[in-house]
Amino acid sequence: MITPQMTIGGKGVAGQEAPVAVLNPATEEIIGEAPGCSREQLDEAVAAARTAFPGWSARPFDERKKMVAALAQAITENGEELIRLLTLEQGKPLAAAEGELQGAAYWAAAVEGFSLPQEAWGDDSRRVTIRHLPLGVVGAIVPWNYPLLTALMKIAPAVTAGNCIVLKPAPTTPLATLRFGELIRDILPAGVVNIVSGGDEVGPWITAHPGVDKISFTGSTVTGRRIMQSAAERITRFTLELGGNDPAIVLSDVDVEAVAEKLFWGSMLNSGQICVAAKRLYVHADIFDAFLAAFMAVARSQTMGNGVDAGVTLGPIQNRAQFERVKRLADNARTAGYRLHQAEAPSGGAGFFFPITVVEDPADDAEIVQEEQFGPVLPVMRFTDVEDVIARANGTPYGLGGSVWSNDVERASAIADRLDCAASWVNTIMDAPPDQPMGGHKQSGFGVENGQLGLLEYMSVQSRVTLPGVAAVAGADLVADAV
């Protein structure tokens, strides 16, 4: 049994509420328990962050970013342990877990390249300086698909900006993140990073807590709406990275087999459980049949199974609730009369395994097209007219990512520029490094993550106006100066 502790004020803390059992989604066996955070313990975590804030925010920006960048070494030095924890609790194969760990380390190290804008103007008679100030305490909630990576995507900019943070991992994937908290207690001052765990009730406690100055959330649009409502009560700042239903448009001039393989991994990596993975494929009618055959050839060459086993390339869906949702979408598509193409998956035993499934040419208003699947089920549709397919691609309430594939880069770029989404890619997908800002359009989010713009989301702006001494200036003159 894996039983990590929470980290509050730089110390290991056991939970006061009932522990949360953590399942291996490949076996459905309990592999560990996460502490159950109580309301009082959350208060302690927020208080620890509040206490640490004055000293941490007073450190020079360059000093803070060097200390945060040192988290990368803690991740890589404990890589073998963290990789195994990620595979056991999330289900992804060991190689994919290693990729997540490398991404988390990369996000931490990337803060070395962060900088704050230096803005000032005027002269000796009137000088204006723009300052960027940390907010205070950040409450962060991360999802179950990339738990450690997403945690670092929030910790790195928030803490580098001078804030302190209280972070909660998802109830189904808390182990690697809690262990990370144990590993960094001696790297950052006590209270700068606090990690708590528990059931679904802890998230709303964080978002409604009067001691939290900003909320940073990655997850579903449904939960994002509730967070906005909670934040509105206290006018709390928030950044939301929410659901996506990302289109990919494949023009007729591509190398079919090469693009089919790229889009297979662009849609099915982590068994489709990626926010910016392709969720809808629009393939030109001239190559549709060849593309579909090539895509399914790649799908049928994969091995789905327990992520710790050699040769496994795809793991299970992470939890039962999501498994049932994905199954419902596929079953409803079959009931609606659409043709389903499926690869093999483990069946008849334990584990939340669902086969890679392509739904052939469903209608634009079909449930499988309008809803984000977040699993290994993918609608693939024909198109003939570019104007029509752009309208179809933009025809959902979401706008996270989108891609266009063609050997005519100029033409593809022109199409990509018309996609209503946060990130548009040409002949690539899921390319979103730490220095590249991204903020969801429409119902896919609010605010910006990554890059300098993402860093500034964790800061407030102050305009400082400086005039020369005023000892000999009359009050009326001061009013005139102000006007």
Protein backbone atom coordinates (compact mmCIF):
# COMPACT_ATOMS: atom_id res chain seq x y z
CA MET A 1 0.00 0.00 0.00
CA ILE A 2 1.28 3.43 -1.00
CA THR A 3 0.40 5.98 1.69
CA PRO A 4 2.03 9.39 1.11
CA GLN A 5 1.29 12.35 3.35
CA MET A 6 0.02 15.80 2.57
CA THR A 7 2.45 18.71 2.71
CA ILE A 8 1.28 21.66 4.80
CA GLY A 9 3.68 24.36 5.99
CA GLY A 10 6.67 22.29 4.94
CA LYS A 11 5.67 19.28 7.07
CA GLY A 12 4.14 15.89 6.41
CA VAL A 13 0.54 15.72 7.57
CA ALA A 14 -1.86 12.79 7.86
CA GLY A 15 -5.50 13.35 7.00
CA GLN A 16 -8.21 13.95 9.57
CA GLU A 17 -10.96 12.67 7.30
CA ALA A 18 -11.36 9.15 5.93
CA PRO A 19 -8.56 8.22 3.51
CA VAL A 20 -9.31 8.02 -0.20
CA ALA A 21 -8.63 4.63 -1.80
CA VAL A 22 -6.65 4.80 -5.04
CA LEU A 23 -7.26 2.14 -7.69
CA ASN A 24 -5.02 0.89 -10.46
CA PRO A 25 -7.35 1.36 -13.45
CA ALA A 26 -5.75 -1.59 -15.23
CA THR A 27 -6.54 -4.05 -12.43
CA GLU A 28 -9.14 -2.25 -10.27
CA GLU A 29 -7.04 -3.20 -7.25
CA ILE A 30 -6.44 -0.73 -4.45
CA ILE A 31 -2.80 0.32 -4.63
CA GLY A 32 -2.74 3.09 -2.05
CA GLU A 33 -4.56 5.58 0.10
CA ALA A 34 -4.46 9.35 0.04
CA PRO A 35 -5.06 11.39 3.19
CA GLY A 36 -8.50 12.92 3.62
CA CYS A 37 -8.08 16.65 4.17
CA SER A 38 -10.50 18.23 6.64
CA ARG A 39 -11.80 21.79 6.50
CA GLU A 40 -9.55 22.64 9.43
CA GLN A 41 -6.52 21.25 7.64
CA LEU A 42 -7.36 23.26 4.53
CA ASP A 43 -7.51 26.33 6.73
CA GLU A 44 -4.06 25.38 8.04
CA ALA A 45 -2.70 25.02 4.50
CA VAL A 46 -4.07 28.40 3.43
CA ALA A 47 -2.72 29.97 6.63
CA ALA A 48 0.71 28.43 5.99
CA ALA A 49 0.72 29.88 2.49
CA ARG A 50 -0.42 33.25 3.81
CA THR A 51 2.33 33.24 6.43
CA ALA A 52 5.02 32.34 3.89
CA PHE A 53 3.86 34.91 1.33
CA PRO A 54 5.56 38.11 2.67
CA GLY A 55 9.00 36.53 2.83
CA TRP A 56 8.69 34.64 -0.44
CA SER A 57 7.30 37.57 -2.43
CA ALA A 58 10.04 39.85 -1.06
CA ARG A 59 12.76 37.70 -2.64
CA PRO A 60 14.09 39.05 -5.96
CA PHE A 61 12.40 37.59 -9.02
CA ASP A 62 15.64 36.05 -10.30
CA GLU A 63 16.21 34.33 -6.96
CA ARG A 64 12.70 32.89 -6.94
CA LYS A 65 12.98 31.46 -10.42
CA LYS A 66 16.30 29.77 -9.65
CA MET A 67 14.75 28.08 -6.63
CA VAL A 68 11.72 26.96 -8.61
CA ALA A 69 13.91 25.66 -11.43
CA ALA A 70 15.64 23.45 -8.85
CA LEU A 71 12.41 21.45 -8.59
CA ALA A 72 13.32 19.89 -11.94
CA GLN A 73 16.28 18.11 -10.37
CA ALA A 74 14.10 16.69 -7.60
CA ILE A 75 11.75 15.29 -10.25
CA THR A 76 14.45 13.70 -12.39
CA GLU A 77 16.46 12.32 -9.45
CA ASN A 78 13.36 10.48 -8.26
CA GLY A 79 12.18 9.63 -11.74
CA GLU A 80 11.93 5.86 -11.42
CA GLU A 81 9.67 6.08 -8.37
CA LEU A 82 7.45 8.82 -9.78
CA ILE A 83 7.10 7.09 -13.16
CA ARG A 84 5.91 3.90 -11.52
CA LEU A 85 3.44 5.81 -9.34
CA LEU A 86 2.03 7.57 -12.40
CA THR A 87 1.55 4.29 -14.25
CA LEU A 88 -0.04 2.55 -11.27
CA GLU A 89 -2.56 5.29 -10.53
CA GLN A 90 -3.20 6.77 -13.97
CA GLY A 91 -2.84 3.68 -16.15
CA LYS A 92 -0.59 5.03 -18.89
CA PRO A 93 2.34 2.84 -20.02
CA LEU A 94 5.69 3.36 -18.33
CA ALA A 95 7.13 5.07 -21.42
CA ALA A 96 4.25 7.56 -21.44
CA ALA A 97 4.65 8.12 -17.70
CA GLU A 98 8.32 8.87 -18.33
CA GLY A 99 7.24 11.43 -20.91
CA GLU A 100 4.96 13.08 -18.36
CA LEU A 101 7.75 13.19 -15.81
CA GLN A 102 10.11 14.75 -18.34
CA GLY A 103 7.44 17.31 -19.15
CA ALA A 104 7.01 18.19 -15.48
CA ALA A 105 10.76 18.68 -15.08
CA TYR A 106 10.83 20.75 -18.27
CA TRP A 107 8.08 23.04 -16.98
CA ALA A 108 9.99 23.61 -13.74
CA ALA A 109 13.30 24.28 -15.49
CA ALA A 110 11.66 26.58 -18.04
CA VAL A 111 11.07 29.30 -15.45
CA GLU A 112 14.77 30.17 -15.80
CA GLY A 113 13.75 31.82 -19.06
CA PHE A 114 10.90 33.83 -17.53
CA SER A 115 11.15 37.60 -17.28
CA LEU A 116 8.95 40.45 -16.16
CA PRO A 117 8.19 43.30 -18.56
CA GLN A 118 10.05 46.50 -17.74
CA GLU A 119 7.83 49.45 -18.56
CA ALA A 120 8.48 53.06 -17.64
CA TRP A 121 8.11 56.42 -19.32
CA GLY A 122 8.20 60.12 -18.60
CA ASP A 123 10.94 62.46 -17.36
CA ASP A 124 12.12 64.12 -14.16
CA SER A 125 8.89 66.10 -13.90
CA ARG A 126 6.62 63.04 -14.06
CA ARG A 127 7.69 59.42 -14.18
CA VAL A 128 5.38 56.40 -14.65
CA THR A 129 6.55 52.90 -13.71
CA ILE A 130 4.47 49.76 -14.29
CA ARG A 131 4.96 47.11 -11.60
CA HIS A 132 3.76 43.50 -11.57
CA LEU A 133 2.99 42.24 -8.09
CA PRO A 134 2.15 38.73 -6.82
CA LEU A 135 -1.41 38.16 -5.72
CA GLY A 136 -0.99 36.15 -2.52
CA VAL A 137 -2.35 32.62 -2.16
CA VAL A 138 -3.25 30.53 -5.22
CA GLY A 139 -5.67 27.62 -4.95
CA ALA A 140 -4.93 25.09 -7.69
CA ILE A 141 -6.93 22.02 -8.73
CA VAL A 142 -5.50 19.56 -11.25
CA PRO A 143 -7.09 16.72 -13.26
CA TRP A 144 -6.42 13.00 -13.50
CA ASN A 145 -5.09 12.67 -17.05
CA TYR A 146 -1.64 14.26 -16.48
CA PRO A 147 -1.56 14.82 -12.71
CA LEU A 148 2.11 15.60 -12.14
CA LEU A 149 2.63 17.61 -15.33
CA THR A 150 -0.45 19.73 -14.71
CA ALA A 151 0.63 20.33 -11.12
CA LEU A 152 3.96 21.76 -12.32
CA MET A 153 2.19 23.82 -14.98
CA LYS A 154 0.52 25.63 -12.09
CA ILE A 155 3.19 25.54 -9.39
CA ALA A 156 6.01 26.83 -11.62
CA PRO A 157 4.46 30.13 -12.78
CA ALA A 158 2.44 30.80 -9.63
CA VAL A 159 5.40 30.43 -7.28
CA THR A 160 7.90 32.11 -9.59
CA ALA A 161 5.56 35.10 -9.70
CA GLY A 162 5.93 35.34 -5.90
CA ASN A 163 2.74 33.64 -4.77
CA CYS A 164 2.33 30.68 -2.45
CA ILE A 165 0.09 27.83 -3.46
CA VAL A 166 -2.33 25.25 -2.08
CA LEU A 167 -2.72 22.49 -4.65
CA LYS A 168 -5.14 19.58 -4.77
CA PRO A 169 -4.72 16.59 -7.11
CA ALA A 170 -7.71 14.64 -8.40
CA PRO A 171 -9.04 12.02 -5.96
CA THR A 172 -8.24 9.19 -8.40
CA THR A 173 -4.60 10.25 -9.08
CA PRO A 174 -3.11 11.84 -5.96
CA LEU A 175 -0.12 9.58 -5.24
CA ALA A 176 2.64 10.95 -7.49
CA THR A 177 1.71 14.55 -6.70
CA LEU A 178 1.67 13.93 -2.95
CA ARG A 179 5.02 12.19 -3.23
CA PHE A 180 6.38 15.16 -5.17
CA GLY A 181 5.30 17.37 -2.27
CA GLU A 182 7.30 15.18 0.10
CA LEU A 183 10.38 15.45 -2.11
CA ILE A 184 10.50 19.24 -2.31
CA ARG A 185 10.02 20.18 1.34
CA ASP A 186 13.68 21.15 1.71
CA ILE A 187 13.93 23.00 -1.62
CA LEU A 188 11.43 25.81 -1.11
CA PRO A 189 10.63 27.65 2.15
CA ALA A 190 7.92 26.12 4.30
CA GLY A 191 4.44 27.10 3.20
CA VAL A 192 5.33 28.15 -0.34
CA VAL A 193 3.95 24.90 -1.82
CA ASN A 194 1.23 23.05 0.09
CA ILE A 195 -0.38 19.90 -1.33
CA VAL A 196 -3.61 18.51 0.12
CA SER A 197 -5.77 15.59 -0.95
CA GLY A 198 -9.23 14.21 -0.40
CA GLY A 199 -12.56 13.62 -2.05
CA ASP A 200 -14.54 15.80 -4.42
CA GLU A 201 -15.63 18.06 -1.57
CA VAL A 202 -12.14 19.55 -1.09
CA GLY A 203 -12.14 21.38 -4.44
CA PRO A 204 -15.20 23.52 -3.62
CA TRP A 205 -13.70 24.27 -0.20
CA ILE A 206 -10.64 25.69 -1.95
CA THR A 207 -12.54 27.74 -4.51
CA ALA A 208 -14.78 29.26 -1.82
CA HIS A 209 -12.04 29.85 0.75
CA PRO A 210 -11.76 33.52 1.80
CA GLY A 211 -7.97 33.19 2.11
CA VAL A 212 -7.47 32.23 -1.55
CA ASP A 213 -6.65 35.15 -3.87
CA LYS A 214 -6.68 33.28 -7.17
CA ILE A 215 -8.04 29.98 -8.44
CA SER A 216 -6.28 27.98 -11.14
CA PHE A 217 -8.26 25.02 -12.46
CA THR A 218 -7.84 22.47 -15.24
CA GLY A 219 -10.78 20.20 -15.89
CA SER A 220 -14.27 20.01 -17.32
CA THR A 221 -16.35 22.93 -18.52
CA VAL A 222 -19.17 21.85 -16.19
CA THR A 223 -16.92 22.21 -13.13
CA GLY A 224 -15.47 25.43 -14.56
CA ARG A 225 -18.92 27.01 -14.53
CA ARG A 226 -19.34 26.16 -10.85
CA ILE A 227 -15.93 27.67 -10.06
CA MET A 228 -16.85 30.89 -11.86
CA GLN A 229 -20.02 31.10 -9.77
CA SER A 230 -18.08 30.52 -6.56
CA ALA A 231 -15.40 33.05 -7.51
CA ALA A 232 -18.05 35.65 -8.32
CA GLU A 233 -19.21 35.66 -4.69
CA ARG A 234 -15.84 37.07 -3.59
CA ILE A 235 -14.65 38.57 -6.90
CA THR A 236 -11.74 36.13 -6.85
CA ARG A 237 -9.44 35.98 -9.84
CA PHE A 238 -9.38 32.72 -11.74
CA THR A 239 -7.81 30.94 -14.69
CA LEU A 240 -9.73 28.03 -16.20
CA GLU A 241 -8.40 25.53 -18.73
CA LEU A 242 -11.53 23.62 -19.65
CA GLY A 243 -12.84 21.04 -22.10
CA GLY A 244 -12.06 20.91 -25.77
CA ASN A 245 -13.51 19.30 -28.87
CA ASP A 246 -10.54 19.86 -31.10
CA PRO A 247 -10.96 19.50 -34.89
CA ALA A 248 -8.30 18.27 -37.32
CA ILE A 249 -8.74 19.01 -41.03
CA VAL A 250 -6.89 16.78 -43.49
CA LEU A 251 -6.62 18.08 -47.06
CA SER A 252 -6.39 15.80 -50.08
CA ASP A 253 -2.70 16.40 -50.91
CA VAL A 254 -1.18 14.75 -47.82
CA ASP A 255 0.89 11.61 -47.49
CA VAL A 256 -2.02 9.55 -46.22
CA GLU A 257 -0.11 6.93 -44.22
CA ALA A 258 2.23 9.45 -42.60
CA VAL A 259 -0.58 11.79 -41.54
CA ALA A 260 -2.78 8.91 -40.40
CA GLU A 261 -0.05 7.77 -38.02
CA LYS A 262 0.56 11.30 -36.72
CA LEU A 263 -3.14 11.86 -36.15
CA PHE A 264 -3.50 8.48 -34.54
CA TRP A 265 -1.12 9.57 -31.80
CA GLY A 266 -2.55 13.10 -31.94
CA SER A 267 -5.93 11.66 -30.97
CA MET A 268 -5.17 8.44 -29.08
CA LEU A 269 -2.09 9.21 -26.98
CA ASN A 270 -2.93 8.46 -23.35
CA SER A 271 -5.95 6.58 -24.74
CA GLY A 272 -7.44 9.87 -25.90
CA GLN A 273 -7.34 11.47 -22.44
CA ILE A 274 -5.68 14.75 -23.42
CA CYS A 275 -7.34 18.16 -23.47
CA VAL A 276 -5.77 19.22 -26.77
CA ALA A 277 -5.92 15.86 -28.52
CA ALA A 278 -7.87 15.76 -31.80
CA LYS A 279 -11.48 14.91 -30.97
CA ARG A 280 -12.96 15.28 -34.49
CA LEU A 281 -11.28 14.43 -37.79
CA TYR A 282 -12.45 15.98 -41.08
CA VAL A 283 -10.84 14.15 -44.00
CA HIS A 284 -11.24 15.14 -47.64
CA ALA A 285 -13.53 12.74 -49.50
CA ASP A 286 -10.87 11.98 -52.13
CA ILE A 287 -8.66 10.27 -49.52
CA PHE A 288 -11.24 9.35 -46.87
CA ASP A 289 -11.30 5.58 -47.39
CA ALA A 290 -7.51 5.31 -47.68
CA PHE A 291 -7.02 7.46 -44.60
CA LEU A 292 -9.51 5.47 -42.54
CA ALA A 293 -7.81 2.22 -43.52
CA ALA A 294 -4.37 3.59 -42.65
CA PHE A 295 -5.61 4.96 -39.31
CA MET A 296 -7.14 1.63 -38.30
CA ALA A 297 -3.98 -0.20 -39.41
CA VAL A 298 -2.03 1.86 -36.88
CA ALA A 299 -4.73 1.28 -34.26
CA ARG A 300 -4.67 -2.49 -34.76
CA SER A 301 -0.89 -2.57 -34.43
CA GLN A 302 -1.03 -1.25 -30.86
CA THR A 303 -1.08 -3.28 -27.65
CA MET A 304 -3.56 -2.11 -25.02
CA GLY A 305 -3.05 -3.41 -21.52
CA ASN A 306 -1.53 -2.90 -18.08
CA GLY A 307 0.97 -0.06 -18.33
CA VAL A 308 3.64 -1.90 -16.35
CA ASP A 309 3.77 -4.77 -18.87
CA ALA A 310 6.40 -4.81 -21.60
CA GLY A 311 5.21 -3.87 -25.08
CA VAL A 312 2.04 -2.08 -23.94
CA THR A 313 1.50 1.17 -25.86
CA LEU A 314 -1.96 2.19 -24.61
CA GLY A 315 -3.49 1.87 -21.17
CA PRO A 316 -7.01 1.91 -19.76
CA ILE A 317 -9.39 4.79 -19.23
CA GLN A 318 -8.42 6.24 -15.87
CA ASN A 319 -11.63 5.76 -13.89
CA ARG A 320 -14.96 3.97 -14.03
CA ALA A 321 -17.09 7.09 -14.43
CA GLN A 322 -15.16 8.14 -17.54
CA PHE A 323 -15.18 4.57 -18.85
CA GLU A 324 -18.97 4.46 -18.60
CA ARG A 325 -19.26 7.83 -20.34
CA VAL A 326 -17.04 6.76 -23.25
CA LYS A 327 -18.91 3.47 -23.55
CA ARG A 328 -22.23 5.32 -23.64
CA LEU A 329 -21.03 7.57 -26.46
CA ALA A 330 -19.89 4.59 -28.53
CA ASP A 331 -23.05 2.59 -27.82
CA ASN A 332 -25.26 5.54 -28.73
CA ALA A 333 -23.37 6.02 -32.00
CA ARG A 334 -23.93 2.36 -32.86
CA THR A 335 -27.61 2.61 -31.93
CA ALA A 336 -27.93 5.69 -34.15
CA GLY A 337 -26.85 3.54 -37.09
CA TYR A 338 -23.26 4.70 -37.56
CA ARG A 339 -20.56 2.24 -38.53
CA LEU A 340 -17.92 1.61 -35.86
CA HIS A 341 -14.38 0.43 -36.61
CA GLN A 342 -12.63 -1.05 -33.56
CA ALA A 343 -9.24 -2.42 -32.60
CA GLU A 344 -8.69 -5.01 -29.90
CA ALA A 345 -8.66 -4.35 -26.18
CA PRO A 346 -8.51 -6.58 -23.11
CA SER A 347 -12.00 -7.83 -22.30
CA GLY A 348 -13.75 -10.09 -19.85
CA GLY A 349 -11.51 -9.20 -16.93
CA ALA A 350 -10.69 -6.33 -14.64
CA GLY A 351 -9.65 -2.89 -15.83
CA PHE A 352 -11.29 0.06 -17.54
CA PHE A 353 -10.21 -0.91 -21.04
CA PHE A 354 -12.12 0.33 -24.05
CA PRO A 355 -11.03 -0.45 -27.63
CA ILE A 356 -9.84 2.22 -30.01
CA THR A 357 -13.04 3.06 -31.88
CA VAL A 358 -13.62 5.16 -35.00
CA VAL A 359 -17.16 6.29 -35.77
CA GLU A 360 -17.43 6.63 -39.54
CA ASP A 361 -18.99 9.80 -40.94
CA PRO A 362 -21.54 10.75 -38.27
CA ALA A 363 -23.77 13.80 -38.77
CA ASP A 364 -22.57 17.15 -37.47
CA ASP A 365 -25.32 17.20 -34.84
CA ALA A 366 -24.54 13.67 -33.61
CA GLU A 367 -23.73 13.35 -29.92
CA ILE A 368 -20.32 11.85 -30.70
CA VAL A 369 -19.42 14.97 -32.71
CA GLN A 370 -20.84 17.62 -30.39
CA GLU A 371 -19.51 16.20 -27.10
CA GLU A 372 -15.88 15.83 -26.05
CA GLN A 373 -15.16 12.11 -25.69
CA PHE A 374 -11.93 12.24 -23.65
CA GLY A 375 -11.30 8.61 -24.47
CA PRO A 376 -10.39 6.30 -27.36
CA VAL A 377 -13.51 6.99 -29.45
CA LEU A 378 -13.16 9.28 -32.47
CA PRO A 379 -15.57 10.53 -35.14
CA VAL A 380 -14.02 10.76 -38.64
CA MET A 381 -16.05 12.72 -41.23
CA ARG A 382 -15.83 13.43 -44.95
CA PHE A 383 -15.69 16.88 -46.47
CA THR A 384 -15.32 18.33 -49.96
CA ASP A 385 -15.61 22.10 -49.51
CA VAL A 386 -13.06 24.07 -47.48
CA GLU A 387 -15.46 26.85 -46.50
CA ASP A 388 -17.94 24.28 -45.30
CA VAL A 389 -15.41 22.35 -43.25
CA ILE A 390 -14.14 25.50 -41.53
CA ALA A 391 -17.72 26.26 -40.47
CA ARG A 392 -18.16 22.67 -39.26
CA ALA A 393 -14.87 22.74 -37.37
CA ASN A 394 -15.94 25.94 -35.59
CA GLY A 395 -19.46 24.66 -34.99
CA THR A 396 -19.20 23.60 -31.34
CA PRO A 397 -19.15 25.62 -28.10
CA TYR A 398 -15.48 24.75 -27.58
CA GLY A 399 -12.25 26.31 -28.80
CA LEU A 400 -9.13 24.81 -27.30
CA GLY A 401 -6.99 23.49 -30.18
CA GLY A 402 -7.26 22.67 -33.86
CA SER A 403 -4.98 21.48 -36.64
CA VAL A 404 -4.76 21.52 -40.45
CA TRP A 405 -2.75 19.02 -42.49
CA SER A 406 -1.51 19.68 -46.03
CA ASN A 407 1.62 19.79 -48.17
CA ASP A 408 0.53 23.30 -49.15
CA VAL A 409 1.68 25.07 -45.99
CA GLU A 410 0.46 28.50 -47.09
CA ARG A 411 -3.04 27.20 -47.81
CA ALA A 412 -3.14 25.21 -44.58
CA SER A 413 -1.97 28.23 -42.58
CA ALA A 414 -4.75 30.35 -44.03
CA ILE A 415 -7.28 27.74 -42.90
CA ALA A 416 -5.68 27.39 -39.47
CA ASP A 417 -5.91 31.14 -38.95
CA ARG A 418 -9.69 30.89 -39.30
CA LEU A 419 -10.13 28.24 -36.62
CA ASP A 420 -11.72 29.70 -33.49
CA CYS A 421 -9.42 28.12 -30.93
CA ALA A 422 -6.58 28.90 -28.56
CA ALA A 423 -3.89 27.03 -30.49
CA SER A 424 -3.96 26.26 -34.19
CA TRP A 425 -1.36 23.92 -35.63
CA VAL A 426 -0.24 23.24 -39.19
CA ASN A 427 1.12 19.75 -39.85
CA THR A 428 1.59 19.15 -36.14
CA ILE A 429 -0.56 18.79 -33.05
CA MET A 430 -0.37 19.19 -29.26
CA ASP A 431 2.66 21.45 -29.65
CA ALA A 432 2.36 23.65 -26.55
CA PRO A 433 5.66 24.24 -24.71
CA PRO A 434 6.00 26.31 -21.51
CA ASP A 435 6.99 29.51 -23.32
CA GLN A 436 3.90 29.51 -25.57
CA PRO A 437 0.76 31.18 -24.17
CA MET A 438 -2.56 29.40 -24.48
CA GLY A 439 -6.02 30.46 -23.38
CA GLY A 440 -9.19 28.66 -24.37
CA HIS A 441 -11.78 30.32 -26.62
CA LYS A 442 -15.53 30.09 -26.04
CA GLN A 443 -16.34 27.45 -23.40
CA SER A 444 -12.81 26.04 -23.39
CA GLY A 445 -11.47 28.38 -20.79
CA PHE A 446 -10.88 31.77 -19.28
CA GLY A 447 -7.49 33.44 -18.94
CA VAL A 448 -4.08 32.39 -20.24
CA GLU A 449 -1.59 29.72 -19.22
CA ASN A 450 2.11 29.38 -20.13
CA GLY A 451 4.56 31.93 -21.44
CA GLN A 452 4.96 35.44 -20.08
CA LEU A 453 1.24 36.09 -20.43
CA GLY A 454 0.56 33.02 -18.29
CA LEU A 455 3.04 34.22 -15.68
CA LEU A 456 1.35 37.62 -15.52
CA GLU A 457 -2.00 35.90 -14.86
CA TYR A 458 -0.59 35.25 -11.37
CA MET A 459 0.20 38.94 -10.81
CA SER A 460 -1.58 42.26 -10.50
CA VAL A 461 -0.60 45.51 -12.19
CA GLN A 462 0.34 48.65 -10.30
CA SER A 463 1.05 51.97 -12.00
CA ARG A 464 3.39 54.09 -9.88
CA VAL A 465 3.47 57.80 -10.71
CA THR A 466 6.45 59.76 -9.32
CA LEU A 467 6.69 63.54 -9.19
CA PRO A 468 9.47 65.70 -7.70
CA GLY A 469 9.24 66.93 -4.11
CA VAL A 470 6.06 68.79 -3.22
CA ALA A 471 7.02 70.61 -0.03
CA ALA A 472 6.67 74.06 -1.61
CA VAL A 473 3.68 73.23 -3.82
CA ALA A 474 0.27 74.61 -2.81
CA GLY A 475 -2.72 72.29 -2.43
CA ALA A 476 -4.49 73.87 -5.42
CA ASP A 477 -1.47 73.13 -7.58
CA LEU A 478 -1.56 69.48 -6.55
CA VAL A 479 -5.19 69.25 -7.63
CA ALA A 480 -4.32 70.87 -10.94
CA ASP A 481 -1.47 68.40 -11.44
CA ALA A 482 -3.80 65.48 -10.76
CA VAL A 483 -6.38 66.76 -13.24
